[in-house]
N, C-alpha and C. Protein backbone atom coordinates (compact mmCIF):
# COMPACT_ATOMS: atom_id res chain seq x y z
N ILE A 1 76.85 111.19 100.65
CA ILE A 1 77.60 111.86 99.59
C ILE A 1 77.89 113.28 100.05
N LEU A 2 79.15 113.65 99.92
CA LEU A 2 79.54 115.00 100.31
C LEU A 2 79.21 115.99 99.21
N GLY A 3 78.80 117.19 99.64
CA GLY A 3 78.58 118.27 98.70
C GLY A 3 79.91 118.94 98.36
N ALA A 4 79.87 119.85 97.43
CA ALA A 4 81.08 120.53 96.97
C ALA A 4 81.78 121.27 98.11
N LYS A 5 81.01 121.92 98.97
CA LYS A 5 81.61 122.69 100.06
C LYS A 5 82.35 121.78 101.04
N GLU A 6 81.76 120.65 101.36
CA GLU A 6 82.39 119.70 102.28
C GLU A 6 83.64 119.08 101.65
N LYS A 7 83.56 118.76 100.35
CA LYS A 7 84.73 118.20 99.67
C LYS A 7 85.86 119.21 99.64
N MET A 8 85.55 120.46 99.38
CA MET A 8 86.60 121.48 99.35
C MET A 8 87.24 121.66 100.71
N ALA A 9 86.46 121.59 101.78
CA ALA A 9 87.02 121.69 103.12
C ALA A 9 87.96 120.53 103.39
N THR A 10 87.59 119.33 102.95
CA THR A 10 88.44 118.16 103.12
C THR A 10 89.72 118.31 102.30
N LEU A 11 89.58 118.76 101.07
CA LEU A 11 90.75 118.97 100.21
C LEU A 11 91.67 120.05 100.78
N TYR A 12 91.08 121.11 101.32
CA TYR A 12 91.88 122.19 101.89
C TYR A 12 92.74 121.68 103.04
N GLU A 13 92.17 120.86 103.90
CA GLU A 13 92.94 120.31 105.01
C GLU A 13 94.12 119.49 104.51
N ALA A 14 93.87 118.64 103.51
CA ALA A 14 94.95 117.82 102.95
C ALA A 14 96.00 118.69 102.27
N MET A 15 95.58 119.70 101.52
CA MET A 15 96.53 120.59 100.85
C MET A 15 97.36 121.36 101.87
N ASN A 16 96.74 121.78 102.95
CA ASN A 16 97.46 122.52 103.99
C ASN A 16 98.56 121.66 104.60
N ILE A 17 98.25 120.40 104.88
CA ILE A 17 99.26 119.50 105.44
C ILE A 17 100.35 119.22 104.40
N LEU A 18 99.95 119.02 103.16
CA LEU A 18 100.91 118.74 102.09
C LEU A 18 101.88 119.89 101.91
N GLU A 19 101.40 121.11 101.99
CA GLU A 19 102.23 122.28 101.74
C GLU A 19 102.93 122.81 102.99
N SER A 20 102.76 122.16 104.13
CA SER A 20 103.35 122.64 105.38
C SER A 20 104.81 122.24 105.55
N GLY A 21 105.35 121.52 104.61
CA GLY A 21 106.74 121.09 104.68
C GLY A 21 106.89 119.63 104.26
N LYS A 22 108.08 119.28 103.85
CA LYS A 22 108.39 117.92 103.39
C LYS A 22 107.45 117.47 102.27
N PHE A 23 107.26 118.36 101.29
CA PHE A 23 106.34 118.14 100.19
C PHE A 23 106.65 116.85 99.43
N VAL A 24 107.91 116.68 99.03
CA VAL A 24 108.29 115.51 98.23
C VAL A 24 108.09 114.23 99.02
N GLN A 25 108.47 114.24 100.30
CA GLN A 25 108.29 113.06 101.13
C GLN A 25 106.82 112.68 101.24
N LYS A 26 105.96 113.69 101.37
CA LYS A 26 104.53 113.43 101.50
C LYS A 26 103.94 112.93 100.18
N LEU A 27 104.43 113.44 99.06
CA LEU A 27 103.97 112.92 97.77
C LEU A 27 104.32 111.45 97.63
N LYS A 28 105.55 111.10 98.01
CA LYS A 28 105.97 109.70 97.93
C LYS A 28 105.15 108.84 98.88
N TYR A 29 104.88 109.33 100.07
CA TYR A 29 104.07 108.57 101.02
C TYR A 29 102.64 108.44 100.51
N GLY A 30 102.13 109.47 99.84
CA GLY A 30 100.81 109.41 99.24
C GLY A 30 100.72 108.31 98.19
N CYS A 31 101.78 108.14 97.41
CA CYS A 31 101.82 107.04 96.44
C CYS A 31 101.73 105.70 97.17
N GLU A 32 102.47 105.60 98.28
CA GLU A 32 102.44 104.37 99.08
C GLU A 32 101.04 104.10 99.62
N LEU A 33 100.36 105.14 100.07
CA LEU A 33 99.00 104.98 100.59
C LEU A 33 98.04 104.46 99.53
N GLN A 34 98.34 104.75 98.27
CA GLN A 34 97.50 104.30 97.17
C GLN A 34 97.96 102.96 96.60
N GLY A 35 98.94 102.34 97.25
CA GLY A 35 99.37 101.02 96.83
C GLY A 35 100.54 100.98 95.88
N THR A 36 101.21 102.11 95.69
CA THR A 36 102.38 102.16 94.81
C THR A 36 103.58 102.67 95.60
N PRO A 37 104.30 101.78 96.29
CA PRO A 37 105.47 102.24 97.03
C PRO A 37 106.57 102.71 96.07
N VAL A 38 107.10 103.88 96.34
CA VAL A 38 108.14 104.44 95.48
C VAL A 38 109.46 104.66 96.22
N GLY A 39 109.53 104.24 97.47
CA GLY A 39 110.77 104.34 98.23
C GLY A 39 110.93 105.67 98.95
N GLU A 40 112.00 105.75 99.71
CA GLU A 40 112.30 106.95 100.49
C GLU A 40 113.03 107.96 99.62
N CYS A 41 113.02 109.21 100.06
CA CYS A 41 113.75 110.26 99.38
C CYS A 41 115.25 110.10 99.64
N ARG A 42 116.03 110.51 98.67
CA ARG A 42 117.48 110.49 98.85
C ARG A 42 117.92 111.73 99.61
N ALA A 43 119.15 111.68 100.14
CA ALA A 43 119.73 112.82 100.84
C ALA A 43 119.78 114.01 99.88
N PRO A 44 119.57 115.18 100.37
CA PRO A 44 119.51 115.59 101.77
C PRO A 44 118.12 115.54 102.38
N LEU A 45 117.12 115.08 101.62
CA LEU A 45 115.77 115.02 102.17
C LEU A 45 115.64 113.83 103.10
N GLY A 46 115.13 114.06 104.27
CA GLY A 46 114.96 112.98 105.24
C GLY A 46 113.56 112.40 105.17
N PRO A 47 113.36 111.26 105.82
CA PRO A 47 112.04 110.62 105.81
C PRO A 47 111.05 111.35 106.70
N LEU A 48 109.78 111.02 106.53
CA LEU A 48 108.75 111.54 107.43
C LEU A 48 108.83 110.81 108.76
N THR A 49 108.48 111.51 109.82
CA THR A 49 108.39 110.86 111.12
C THR A 49 107.09 110.07 111.18
N ASP A 50 106.95 109.21 112.15
CA ASP A 50 105.70 108.47 112.32
C ASP A 50 104.52 109.42 112.53
N GLU A 51 104.76 110.51 113.28
CA GLU A 51 103.70 111.48 113.53
C GLU A 51 103.29 112.20 112.25
N GLU A 52 104.27 112.56 111.41
CA GLU A 52 103.97 113.23 110.14
C GLU A 52 103.20 112.29 109.21
N LYS A 53 103.59 111.02 109.19
CA LYS A 53 102.87 110.05 108.37
C LYS A 53 101.43 109.89 108.85
N ALA A 54 101.24 109.81 110.15
CA ALA A 54 99.90 109.64 110.71
C ALA A 54 99.00 110.84 110.38
N ALA A 55 99.53 112.05 110.51
CA ALA A 55 98.75 113.25 110.22
C ALA A 55 98.39 113.31 108.74
N PHE A 56 99.33 112.99 107.88
CA PHE A 56 99.06 113.02 106.44
C PHE A 56 98.07 111.93 106.06
N ARG A 57 98.22 110.75 106.64
CA ARG A 57 97.30 109.64 106.36
C ARG A 57 95.88 110.02 106.78
N ARG A 58 95.72 110.62 107.97
CA ARG A 58 94.38 111.04 108.43
C ARG A 58 93.75 112.04 107.47
N ALA A 59 94.55 112.97 106.95
CA ALA A 59 94.02 113.97 106.04
C ALA A 59 93.67 113.36 104.69
N MET A 60 94.39 112.33 104.27
CA MET A 60 94.18 111.75 102.95
C MET A 60 93.12 110.65 102.92
N GLU A 61 92.85 110.01 104.04
CA GLU A 61 91.92 108.86 104.05
C GLU A 61 90.56 109.18 103.42
N PRO A 62 89.92 110.31 103.75
CA PRO A 62 88.62 110.57 103.12
C PRO A 62 88.74 110.77 101.61
N ILE A 63 89.83 111.34 101.17
CA ILE A 63 90.03 111.64 99.75
C ILE A 63 90.30 110.36 98.96
N LEU A 64 91.05 109.46 99.55
CA LEU A 64 91.40 108.21 98.86
C LEU A 64 90.16 107.37 98.56
N GLY A 65 89.10 107.58 99.31
CA GLY A 65 87.87 106.82 99.09
C GLY A 65 86.96 107.40 98.03
N TRP A 66 87.30 108.59 97.47
CA TRP A 66 86.44 109.22 96.47
C TRP A 66 86.52 108.52 95.16
């Protein structure tokens, strides 16, 4: 079980990635990671790259298990 300090460090990493750009795309991908696909963003917003998805998924995996 993680303590508050460890949880906050994990949350900070995820928030940092979320706020580093493509916020809406990452929110939509986060929904998909939780089992609720909501589709891609419409123009002019482009999709996440495979690398961006992988980085966001890595940051979110510990949180999704809470």
